[in-house]
Amino acid sequence: MIRISLPYVFGLCESLEPLARLNPKATLNDEIFTIWGAQATLEALLTGSVFSPNLRSSRRLASDLLEALKHEGDTEKNWAKELGYVAAHIGRLYAQFKTAFTAEIGTFPAYFVSQKGSFDTLSLLEEPWRLFPMELWVKVPEARFDVIEAGRALCYELPTSCGMHVFRAVETVLRRYYTEVTSGRPQPKVRNIAVYINAMRQGGRGDEKVLGILEHLSKLHRNPLMHPDAALTLDEAISIIGMAHSAMTAMLRHLPEPPPTTTTAVAAS
């Protein structure tokens, strides 16, 4: 996934459009900054932009225009001479490139990702940990991957995938919780929520309120989601995130704070 800067496209147009209005009676000295600016913009488009690898039909036209700009922008040229036919030549090359480039970028797959429930797009993509308790990021760092993937999946309207990653994150916290309340007893061989609940109840370990939340989450959503024909809606995925948040909060309360490190003070500030 590559984030596209929309102001970049506007700046591209702003830099190149003056080429269509070059004055044949103007000297090169009058128009040199227009030519240099357009040259730098084209070079960046062809070599350093996110569009560069996908340009096909407009690339040759862009290269032709760039060569013409480089030729006229040469510091050895007579800058006091009028542009004359050069203005029309550059204008024609620009018009051809503009037509091809506009048509080509119109075929690129571009979408606007809408907000999902109360979660805005930027948070889901760049700060997905805000979906869950802040302690999760510190106390159970191994859950970070699934937290990030859950946020992205919800953002891109993949609710079933979102649900799967949310439950993986819950189970990651549950393993830590189990180790804590059983004083390091070996993990169950079958690692799903129901097995952990039964193991803790049989051993008289764990907070019954926590186990009740986990049991409700497992029966209502986790087990049905494992069915091959199951598919979540966006509303169901958002509901699961809320329930998972409650379950994680209850478990994290029983987990110890991580030992301080040399970066703790920096992170806290």
C-alpha atoms as a PDB file:
ATOM      1  CA  MET A   1       0.000   0.000   0.000  1.00  0.00           C
ATOM      2  CA  ILE A   2       1.345   3.416  -0.973  1.00  0.00           C
ATOM      3  CA  ARG A   3      -0.220   6.588   0.330  1.00  0.00           C
ATOM      4  CA  ILE A   4      -0.737   9.168  -2.426  1.00  0.00           C
ATOM      5  CA  SER A   5      -0.334  12.859  -1.705  1.00  0.00           C
ATOM      6  CA  LEU A   6      -3.158  14.671  -3.474  1.00  0.00           C
ATOM      7  CA  PRO A   7      -1.377  18.056  -3.187  1.00  0.00           C
ATOM      8  CA  TYR A   8       1.461  16.488  -5.223  1.00  0.00           C
ATOM      9  CA  VAL A   9      -0.884  16.064  -8.196  1.00  0.00           C
ATOM     10  CA  PHE A  10      -2.028  19.669  -7.842  1.00  0.00           C
ATOM     11  CA  GLY A  11       1.584  20.865  -7.664  1.00  0.00           C
ATOM     12  CA  LEU A  12       2.451  18.815 -10.738  1.00  0.00           C
ATOM     13  CA  CYS A  13      -0.241  20.576 -12.749  1.00  0.00           C
ATOM     14  CA  GLU A  14       0.698  23.972 -11.350  1.00  0.00           C
ATOM     15  CA  SER A  15       4.326  23.532 -12.399  1.00  0.00           C
ATOM     16  CA  LEU A  16       3.700  22.191 -15.905  1.00  0.00           C
ATOM     17  CA  GLU A  17       0.681  24.211 -17.063  1.00  0.00           C
ATOM     18  CA  PRO A  18       2.682  27.429 -17.761  1.00  0.00           C
ATOM     19  CA  LEU A  19       4.381  25.521 -20.605  1.00  0.00           C
ATOM     20  CA  ALA A  20       1.134  25.899 -22.557  1.00  0.00           C
ATOM     21  CA  ARG A  21       1.413  29.689 -22.310  1.00  0.00           C
ATOM     22  CA  LEU A  22       5.031  30.314 -23.301  1.00  0.00           C
ATOM     23  CA  ASN A  23       5.294  33.599 -25.192  1.00  0.00           C
ATOM     24  CA  PRO A  24       7.162  33.279 -28.545  1.00  0.00           C
ATOM     25  CA  LYS A  25       8.278  36.926 -28.256  1.00  0.00           C
ATOM     26  CA  ALA A  26       9.669  36.428 -24.751  1.00  0.00           C
ATOM     27  CA  THR A  27      13.358  35.782 -24.295  1.00  0.00           C
ATOM     28  CA  LEU A  28      14.728  32.624 -22.737  1.00  0.00           C
ATOM     29  CA  ASN A  29      15.778  34.770 -19.805  1.00  0.00           C
ATOM     30  CA  ASP A  30      12.107  35.696 -19.242  1.00  0.00           C
ATOM     31  CA  GLU A  31      10.927  32.085 -19.196  1.00  0.00           C
ATOM     32  CA  ILE A  32      13.929  30.229 -17.785  1.00  0.00           C
ATOM     33  CA  PHE A  33      12.444  29.636 -14.328  1.00  0.00           C
ATOM     34  CA  THR A  34       9.279  28.235 -15.899  1.00  0.00           C
ATOM     35  CA  ILE A  35      11.407  25.848 -17.961  1.00  0.00           C
ATOM     36  CA  TRP A  36      13.649  24.839 -15.057  1.00  0.00           C
ATOM     37  CA  GLY A  37      10.674  24.306 -12.763  1.00  0.00           C
ATOM     38  CA  ALA A  38       8.879  22.106 -15.284  1.00  0.00           C
ATOM     39  CA  GLN A  39      12.080  20.164 -15.927  1.00  0.00           C
ATOM     40  CA  ALA A  40      12.558  19.388 -12.224  1.00  0.00           C
ATOM     41  CA  THR A  41       8.901  18.368 -11.891  1.00  0.00           C
ATOM     42  CA  LEU A  42       9.079  15.975 -14.845  1.00  0.00           C
ATOM     43  CA  GLU A  43      12.311  14.404 -13.614  1.00  0.00           C
ATOM     44  CA  ALA A  44      10.719  13.799 -10.200  1.00  0.00           C
ATOM     45  CA  LEU A  45       7.618  12.319 -11.841  1.00  0.00           C
ATOM     46  CA  LEU A  46       9.616   9.890 -13.980  1.00  0.00           C
ATOM     47  CA  THR A  47      12.194   8.805 -11.406  1.00  0.00           C
ATOM     48  CA  GLY A  48      10.929   9.411  -7.878  1.00  0.00           C
ATOM     49  CA  SER A  49       7.136   9.456  -7.783  1.00  0.00           C
ATOM     50  CA  VAL A  50       4.716   6.664  -6.862  1.00  0.00           C
ATOM     51  CA  PHE A  51       3.334   6.918 -10.413  1.00  0.00           C
ATOM     52  CA  SER A  52       6.677   6.264 -12.119  1.00  0.00           C
ATOM     53  CA  PRO A  53       6.640   2.411 -12.215  1.00  0.00           C
ATOM     54  CA  ASN A  54       3.135   2.410 -13.725  1.00  0.00           C
ATOM     55  CA  LEU A  55       3.545   4.995 -16.485  1.00  0.00           C
ATOM     56  CA  ARG A  56       3.313   3.394 -19.905  1.00  0.00           C
ATOM     57  CA  SER A  57       1.720   5.358 -22.741  1.00  0.00           C
ATOM     58  CA  SER A  58       2.691   8.774 -21.365  1.00  0.00           C
ATOM     59  CA  ARG A  59       6.299   7.929 -20.453  1.00  0.00           C
ATOM     60  CA  ARG A  60       7.746   8.440 -23.938  1.00  0.00           C
ATOM     61  CA  LEU A  61       5.909  11.750 -24.327  1.00  0.00           C
ATOM     62  CA  ALA A  62       7.147  12.868 -20.903  1.00  0.00           C
ATOM     63  CA  SER A  63      10.710  11.958 -21.907  1.00  0.00           C
ATOM     64  CA  ASP A  64      10.409  13.901 -25.177  1.00  0.00           C
ATOM     65  CA  LEU A  65       9.151  16.951 -23.298  1.00  0.00           C
ATOM     66  CA  LEU A  66      11.906  16.616 -20.713  1.00  0.00           C
ATOM     67  CA  GLU A  67      14.615  16.466 -23.379  1.00  0.00           C
ATOM     68  CA  ALA A  68      13.250  19.628 -25.015  1.00  0.00           C
ATOM     69  CA  LEU A  69      13.235  21.435 -21.668  1.00  0.00           C
ATOM     70  CA  LYS A  70      16.787  20.325 -20.904  1.00  0.00           C
ATOM     71  CA  HIS A  71      17.941  21.537 -24.325  1.00  0.00           C
ATOM     72  CA  GLU A  72      16.400  24.980 -23.883  1.00  0.00           C
ATOM     73  CA  GLY A  73      17.409  25.261 -20.219  1.00  0.00           C
ATOM     74  CA  ASP A  74      21.088  24.701 -20.978  1.00  0.00           C
ATOM     75  CA  THR A  75      23.191  27.407 -19.328  1.00  0.00           C
ATOM     76  CA  GLU A  76      25.243  27.741 -22.525  1.00  0.00           C
ATOM     77  CA  LYS A  77      22.233  28.973 -24.536  1.00  0.00           C
ATOM     78  CA  ASN A  78      21.786  32.590 -25.603  1.00  0.00           C
ATOM     79  CA  TRP A  79      19.227  33.735 -23.043  1.00  0.00           C
ATOM     80  CA  ALA A  80      18.689  37.089 -24.773  1.00  0.00           C
ATOM     81  CA  LYS A  81      17.235  35.420 -27.891  1.00  0.00           C
ATOM     82  CA  GLU A  82      13.457  35.247 -28.344  1.00  0.00           C
ATOM     83  CA  LEU A  83      11.890  31.820 -27.951  1.00  0.00           C
ATOM     84  CA  GLY A  84      10.142  31.968 -31.317  1.00  0.00           C
ATOM     85  CA  TYR A  85       9.083  28.551 -32.641  1.00  0.00           C
ATOM     86  CA  VAL A  86      10.541  26.873 -29.498  1.00  0.00           C
ATOM     87  CA  ALA A  87       7.578  28.134 -27.471  1.00  0.00           C
ATOM     88  CA  ALA A  88       5.136  26.449 -29.848  1.00  0.00           C
ATOM     89  CA  HIS A  89       7.258  23.271 -29.954  1.00  0.00           C
ATOM     90  CA  ILE A  90       7.341  22.923 -26.159  1.00  0.00           C
ATOM     91  CA  GLY A  91       3.657  23.810 -25.953  1.00  0.00           C
ATOM     92  CA  ARG A  92       2.798  21.074 -28.448  1.00  0.00           C
ATOM     93  CA  LEU A  93       4.889  18.466 -26.609  1.00  0.00           C
ATOM     94  CA  TYR A  94       3.243  19.442 -23.332  1.00  0.00           C
ATOM     95  CA  ALA A  95      -0.259  19.201 -24.816  1.00  0.00           C
ATOM     96  CA  GLN A  96       0.473  15.687 -26.111  1.00  0.00           C
ATOM     97  CA  PHE A  97       1.900  14.593 -22.752  1.00  0.00           C
ATOM     98  CA  LYS A  98      -0.973  16.155 -20.803  1.00  0.00           C
ATOM     99  CA  THR A  99      -3.582  14.307 -22.871  1.00  0.00           C
ATOM    100  CA  ALA A 100      -1.836  10.943 -22.522  1.00  0.00           C
ATOM    101  CA  PHE A 101      -0.974  11.391 -18.828  1.00  0.00           C
ATOM    102  CA  THR A 102      -4.500  12.461 -17.884  1.00  0.00           C
ATOM    103  CA  ALA A 103      -5.975   9.459 -19.670  1.00  0.00           C
ATOM    104  CA  GLU A 104      -3.434   7.092 -18.117  1.00  0.00           C
ATOM    105  CA  ILE A 105      -3.812   8.151 -14.472  1.00  0.00           C
ATOM    106  CA  GLY A 106      -7.562   7.950 -15.006  1.00  0.00           C
ATOM    107  CA  THR A 107      -7.154   4.177 -15.323  1.00  0.00           C
ATOM    108  CA  PHE A 108      -5.183   3.814 -12.060  1.00  0.00           C
ATOM    109  CA  PRO A 109      -7.144   2.093  -9.249  1.00  0.00           C
ATOM    110  CA  ALA A 110      -7.802   4.943  -6.813  1.00  0.00           C
ATOM    111  CA  TYR A 111     -10.306   4.760  -3.968  1.00  0.00           C
ATOM    112  CA  PHE A 112     -11.408   6.904  -1.063  1.00  0.00           C
ATOM    113  CA  VAL A 113     -11.498   4.870   2.142  1.00  0.00           C
ATOM    114  CA  SER A 114     -14.506   5.976   4.179  1.00  0.00           C
ATOM    115  CA  GLN A 115     -14.787   6.108   7.964  1.00  0.00           C
ATOM    116  CA  LYS A 116     -15.942   2.911   9.686  1.00  0.00           C
ATOM    117  CA  GLY A 117     -18.293   3.567  12.568  1.00  0.00           C
ATOM    118  CA  SER A 118     -16.600   5.945  15.004  1.00  0.00           C
ATOM    119  CA  PHE A 119     -13.128   4.950  13.775  1.00  0.00           C
ATOM    120  CA  ASP A 120     -11.634   7.432  11.330  1.00  0.00           C
ATOM    121  CA  THR A 121      -9.501   6.214   8.452  1.00  0.00           C
ATOM    122  CA  LEU A 122      -6.209   7.732   9.631  1.00  0.00           C
ATOM    123  CA  SER A 123      -6.468   6.058  13.040  1.00  0.00           C
ATOM    124  CA  LEU A 124      -7.263   2.647  11.537  1.00  0.00           C
ATOM    125  CA  LEU A 125      -4.289   2.801   9.171  1.00  0.00           C
ATOM    126  CA  GLU A 126      -1.646   4.578  11.218  1.00  0.00           C
ATOM    127  CA  GLU A 127      -2.714   4.194  14.868  1.00  0.00           C
ATOM    128  CA  PRO A 128      -4.702   0.933  15.005  1.00  0.00           C
ATOM    129  CA  TRP A 129      -3.606   0.291  18.605  1.00  0.00           C
ATOM    130  CA  ARG A 130      -6.145   2.937  19.633  1.00  0.00           C
ATOM    131  CA  LEU A 131      -8.834   0.312  18.982  1.00  0.00           C
ATOM    132  CA  PHE A 132      -7.694  -1.513  22.111  1.00  0.00           C
ATOM    133  CA  PRO A 133      -6.469  -0.729  25.648  1.00  0.00           C
ATOM    134  CA  MET A 134      -3.259   1.293  25.656  1.00  0.00           C
ATOM    135  CA  GLU A 135      -1.694  -1.199  28.099  1.00  0.00           C
ATOM    136  CA  LEU A 136      -1.877  -3.878  25.421  1.00  0.00           C
ATOM    137  CA  TRP A 137       0.894  -2.284  23.360  1.00  0.00           C
ATOM    138  CA  VAL A 138       3.283  -2.405  26.337  1.00  0.00           C
ATOM    139  CA  LYS A 139       2.235  -5.452  28.331  1.00  0.00           C
ATOM    140  CA  VAL A 140       1.632  -7.829  25.406  1.00  0.00           C
ATOM    141  CA  PRO A 141       3.846  -6.591  22.536  1.00  0.00           C
ATOM    142  CA  GLU A 142       3.476  -9.886  20.658  1.00  0.00           C
ATOM    143  CA  ALA A 143      -0.143  -8.881  19.913  1.00  0.00           C
ATOM    144  CA  ARG A 144       0.954  -5.861  17.891  1.00  0.00           C
ATOM    145  CA  PHE A 145       0.900  -7.613  14.509  1.00  0.00           C
ATOM    146  CA  ASP A 146      -2.732  -8.720  14.848  1.00  0.00           C
ATOM    147  CA  VAL A 147      -3.780  -5.335  16.247  1.00  0.00           C
ATOM    148  CA  ILE A 148      -2.314  -3.571  13.198  1.00  0.00           C
ATOM    149  CA  GLU A 149      -3.829  -6.062  10.757  1.00  0.00           C
ATOM    150  CA  ALA A 150      -7.243  -5.822  12.445  1.00  0.00           C
ATOM    151  CA  GLY A 151      -7.264  -2.049  12.005  1.00  0.00           C
ATOM    152  CA  ARG A 152      -6.276  -2.263   8.349  1.00  0.00           C
ATOM    153  CA  ALA A 153      -8.797  -5.011   7.626  1.00  0.00           C
ATOM    154  CA  LEU A 154     -11.619  -2.953   9.133  1.00  0.00           C
ATOM    155  CA  CYS A 155     -10.484   0.121   7.208  1.00  0.00           C
ATOM    156  CA  TYR A 156     -10.536  -1.752   3.900  1.00  0.00           C
ATOM    157  CA  GLU A 157     -13.920  -3.329   4.617  1.00  0.00           C
ATOM    158  CA  LEU A 158     -12.665  -6.866   5.302  1.00  0.00           C
ATOM    159  CA  PRO A 159     -14.735  -7.526   8.423  1.00  0.00           C
ATOM    160  CA  THR A 160     -14.187 -11.295   8.584  1.00  0.00           C
ATOM    161  CA  SER A 161     -10.422 -10.826   8.412  1.00  0.00           C
ATOM    162  CA  CYS A 162     -10.720  -8.105  11.038  1.00  0.00           C
ATOM    163  CA  GLY A 163     -12.587 -10.487  13.351  1.00  0.00           C
ATOM    164  CA  MET A 164      -9.965 -13.206  12.913  1.00  0.00           C
ATOM    165  CA  HIS A 165      -7.123 -10.868  13.832  1.00  0.00           C
ATOM    166  CA  VAL A 166      -9.053  -9.484  16.807  1.00  0.00           C
ATOM    167  CA  PHE A 167      -9.547 -12.987  18.207  1.00  0.00           C
ATOM    168  CA  ARG A 168      -5.889 -13.816  17.618  1.00  0.00           C
ATOM    169  CA  ALA A 169      -4.984 -10.733  19.649  1.00  0.00           C
ATOM    170  CA  VAL A 170      -7.394 -11.758  22.427  1.00  0.00           C
ATOM    171  CA  GLU A 171      -5.890 -15.250  22.519  1.00  0.00           C
ATOM    172  CA  THR A 172      -2.393 -13.762  22.698  1.00  0.00           C
ATOM    173  CA  VAL A 173      -3.391 -11.763  25.792  1.00  0.00           C
ATOM    174  CA  LEU A 174      -5.152 -14.838  27.176  1.00  0.00           C
ATOM    175  CA  ARG A 175      -1.936 -16.864  27.028  1.00  0.00           C
ATOM    176  CA  ARG A 176      -0.163 -14.192  29.072  1.00  0.00           C
ATOM    177  CA  TYR A 177      -3.091 -14.066  31.500  1.00  0.00           C
ATOM    178  CA  TYR A 178      -3.097 -17.850  31.889  1.00  0.00           C
ATOM    179  CA  THR A 179       0.620 -17.902  32.680  1.00  0.00           C
ATOM    180  CA  GLU A 180       0.144 -15.158  35.261  1.00  0.00           C
ATOM    181  CA  VAL A 181      -2.832 -16.606  37.170  1.00  0.00           C
ATOM    182  CA  THR A 182      -1.507 -20.200  37.104  1.00  0.00           C
ATOM    183  CA  SER A 183       1.985 -19.177  38.236  1.00  0.00           C
ATOM    184  CA  GLY A 184       3.600 -20.437  35.048  1.00  0.00           C
ATOM    185  CA  ARG A 185       1.704 -23.692  34.536  1.00  0.00           C
ATOM    186  CA  PRO A 186       2.288 -25.206  31.029  1.00  0.00           C
ATOM    187  CA  GLN A 187      -0.041 -23.938  28.316  1.00  0.00           C
ATOM    188  CA  PRO A 188      -2.881 -26.232  27.144  1.00  0.00           C
ATOM    189  CA  LYS A 189      -2.041 -28.218  24.034  1.00  0.00           C
ATOM    190  CA  VAL A 190      -5.210 -27.038  22.250  1.00  0.00           C
ATOM    191  CA  ARG A 191      -5.015 -23.280  22.246  1.00  0.00           C
ATOM    192  CA  ASN A 192      -8.476 -21.822  22.003  1.00  0.00           C
ATOM    193  CA  ILE A 193     -10.477 -19.683  24.383  1.00  0.00           C
ATOM    194  CA  ALA A 194     -12.817 -22.447  25.600  1.00  0.00           C
ATOM    195  CA  VAL A 195      -9.936 -24.790  26.495  1.00  0.00           C
ATOM    196  CA  TYR A 196      -8.188 -22.061  28.486  1.00  0.00           C
ATOM    197  CA  ILE A 197     -11.400 -21.233  30.345  1.00  0.00           C
ATOM    198  CA  ASN A 198     -11.975 -24.881  31.291  1.00  0.00           C
ATOM    199  CA  ALA A 199      -8.359 -25.323  32.383  1.00  0.00           C
ATOM    200  CA  MET A 200      -8.511 -22.285  34.676  1.00  0.00           C
ATOM    201  CA  ARG A 201     -11.853 -23.232  36.156  1.00  0.00           C
ATOM    202  CA  GLN A 202     -10.746 -26.788  36.834  1.00  0.00           C
ATOM    203  CA  GLY A 203      -7.643 -25.480  38.581  1.00  0.00           C
ATOM    204  CA  GLY A 204      -9.546 -22.836  40.515  1.00  0.00           C
ATOM    205  CA  ARG A 205      -7.545 -20.059  38.881  1.00  0.00           C
ATOM    206  CA  GLY A 206      -8.507 -16.815  37.233  1.00  0.00           C
ATOM    207  CA  ASP A 207     -11.094 -14.133  37.951  1.00  0.00           C
ATOM    208  CA  GLU A 208     -14.597 -15.465  37.284  1.00  0.00           C
ATOM    209  CA  LYS A 209     -15.639 -12.101  35.828  1.00  0.00           C
ATOM    210  CA  VAL A 210     -12.799 -12.340  33.325  1.00  0.00           C
ATOM    211  CA  LEU A 211     -13.671 -15.929  32.492  1.00  0.00           C
ATOM    212  CA  GLY A 212     -17.317 -14.972  32.032  1.00  0.00           C
ATOM    213  CA  ILE A 213     -16.436 -12.219  29.543  1.00  0.00           C
ATOM    214  CA  LEU A 214     -14.176 -14.596  27.621  1.00  0.00           C
ATOM    215  CA  GLU A 215     -16.829 -17.322  27.598  1.00  0.00           C
ATOM    216  CA  HIS A 216     -19.436 -14.937  26.262  1.00  0.00           C
ATOM    217  CA  LEU A 217     -17.042 -13.715  23.561  1.00  0.00           C
ATOM    218  CA  SER A 218     -16.133 -17.281  22.598  1.00  0.00           C
ATOM    219  CA  LYS A 219     -19.669 -18.646  22.368  1.00  0.00           C
ATOM    220  CA  LEU A 220     -21.235 -15.627  20.713  1.00  0.00           C
ATOM    221  CA  HIS A 221     -18.558 -14.852  18.128  1.00  0.00           C
ATOM    222  CA  ARG A 222     -15.350 -16.928  18.235  1.00  0.00           C
ATOM    223  CA  ASN A 223     -16.864 -20.376  17.708  1.00  0.00           C
ATOM    224  CA  PRO A 224     -19.338 -19.341  14.964  1.00  0.00           C
ATOM    225  CA  LEU A 225     -16.557 -17.471  13.152  1.00  0.00           C
ATOM    226  CA  MET A 226     -14.577 -20.705  12.825  1.00  0.00           C
ATOM    227  CA  HIS A 227     -17.283 -22.180  10.603  1.00  0.00           C
ATOM    228  CA  PRO A 228     -16.084 -22.191   6.962  1.00  0.00           C
ATOM    229  CA  ASP A 229     -19.292 -20.515   5.768  1.00  0.00           C
ATOM    230  CA  ALA A 230     -19.152 -17.732   8.368  1.00  0.00           C
ATOM    231  CA  ALA A 231     -18.718 -14.141   7.247  1.00  0.00           C
ATOM    232  CA  LEU A 232     -18.929 -11.025   9.376  1.00  0.00           C
ATOM    233  CA  THR A 233     -20.554  -7.735   8.517  1.00  0.00           C
ATOM    234  CA  LEU A 234     -18.859  -4.433   9.313  1.00  0.00           C
ATOM    235  CA  ASP A 235     -21.238  -3.870  12.235  1.00  0.00           C
ATOM    236  CA  GLU A 236     -20.433  -7.319  13.628  1.00  0.00           C
ATOM    237  CA  ALA A 237     -16.694  -6.693  13.340  1.00  0.00           C
ATOM    238  CA  ILE A 238     -17.046  -3.385  15.165  1.00  0.00           C
ATOM    239  CA  SER A 239     -19.112  -5.133  17.857  1.00  0.00           C
ATOM    240  CA  ILE A 240     -16.409  -7.783  18.286  1.00  0.00           C
ATOM    241  CA  ILE A 241     -13.772  -5.072  18.703  1.00  0.00           C
ATOM    242  CA  GLY A 242     -15.833  -3.580  21.546  1.00  0.00           C
ATOM    243  CA  MET A 243     -16.231  -6.927  23.296  1.00  0.00           C
ATOM    244  CA  ALA A 244     -12.562  -7.784  22.774  1.00  0.00           C
ATOM    245  CA  HIS A 245     -11.621  -4.408  24.269  1.00  0.00           C
ATOM    246  CA  SER A 246     -13.578  -5.309  27.439  1.00  0.00           C
ATOM    247  CA  ALA A 247     -12.014  -8.778  27.654  1.00  0.00           C
ATOM    248  CA  MET A 248      -8.499  -7.450  27.127  1.00  0.00           C
ATOM    249  CA  THR A 249      -8.962  -4.678  29.677  1.00  0.00           C
ATOM    250  CA  ALA A 250     -10.093  -7.215  32.285  1.00  0.00           C
ATOM    251  CA  MET A 251      -7.102  -9.491  31.626  1.00  0.00           C
ATOM    252  CA  LEU A 252      -4.504  -6.739  31.337  1.00  0.00           C
ATOM    253  CA  ARG A 253      -5.479  -5.489  34.783  1.00  0.00           C
ATOM    254  CA  HIS A 254      -3.971  -8.684  36.213  1.00  0.00           C
ATOM    255  CA  LEU A 255      -0.736  -8.563  34.216  1.00  0.00           C
ATOM    256  CA  PRO A 256       2.343  -6.948  35.763  1.00  0.00           C
ATOM    257  CA  GLU A 257       3.873  -3.787  34.417  1.00  0.00           C
ATOM    258  CA  PRO A 258       6.888  -4.455  32.193  1.00  0.00           C
ATOM    259  CA  PRO A 259      10.287  -3.704  33.758  1.00  0.00           C
ATOM    260  CA  PRO A 260      11.536  -0.175  33.076  1.00  0.00           C
ATOM    261  CA  THR A 261      14.080   0.276  30.294  1.00  0.00           C
ATOM    262  CA  THR A 262      16.271   3.119  29.092  1.00  0.00           C
ATOM    263  CA  THR A 263      13.466   4.198  26.719  1.00  0.00           C
ATOM    264  CA  THR A 264      10.637   4.145  29.289  1.00  0.00           C
ATOM    265  CA  ALA A 265      11.091   7.766  30.320  1.00  0.00           C
ATOM    266  CA  VAL A 266      11.280   8.906  26.723  1.00  0.00           C
ATOM    267  CA  ALA A 267       8.089   7.017  25.771  1.00  0.00           C
ATOM    268  CA  ALA A 268       6.229   8.346  28.802  1.00  0.00           C
ATOM    269  CA  SER A 269       7.089  11.926  27.932  1.00  0.00           C
END
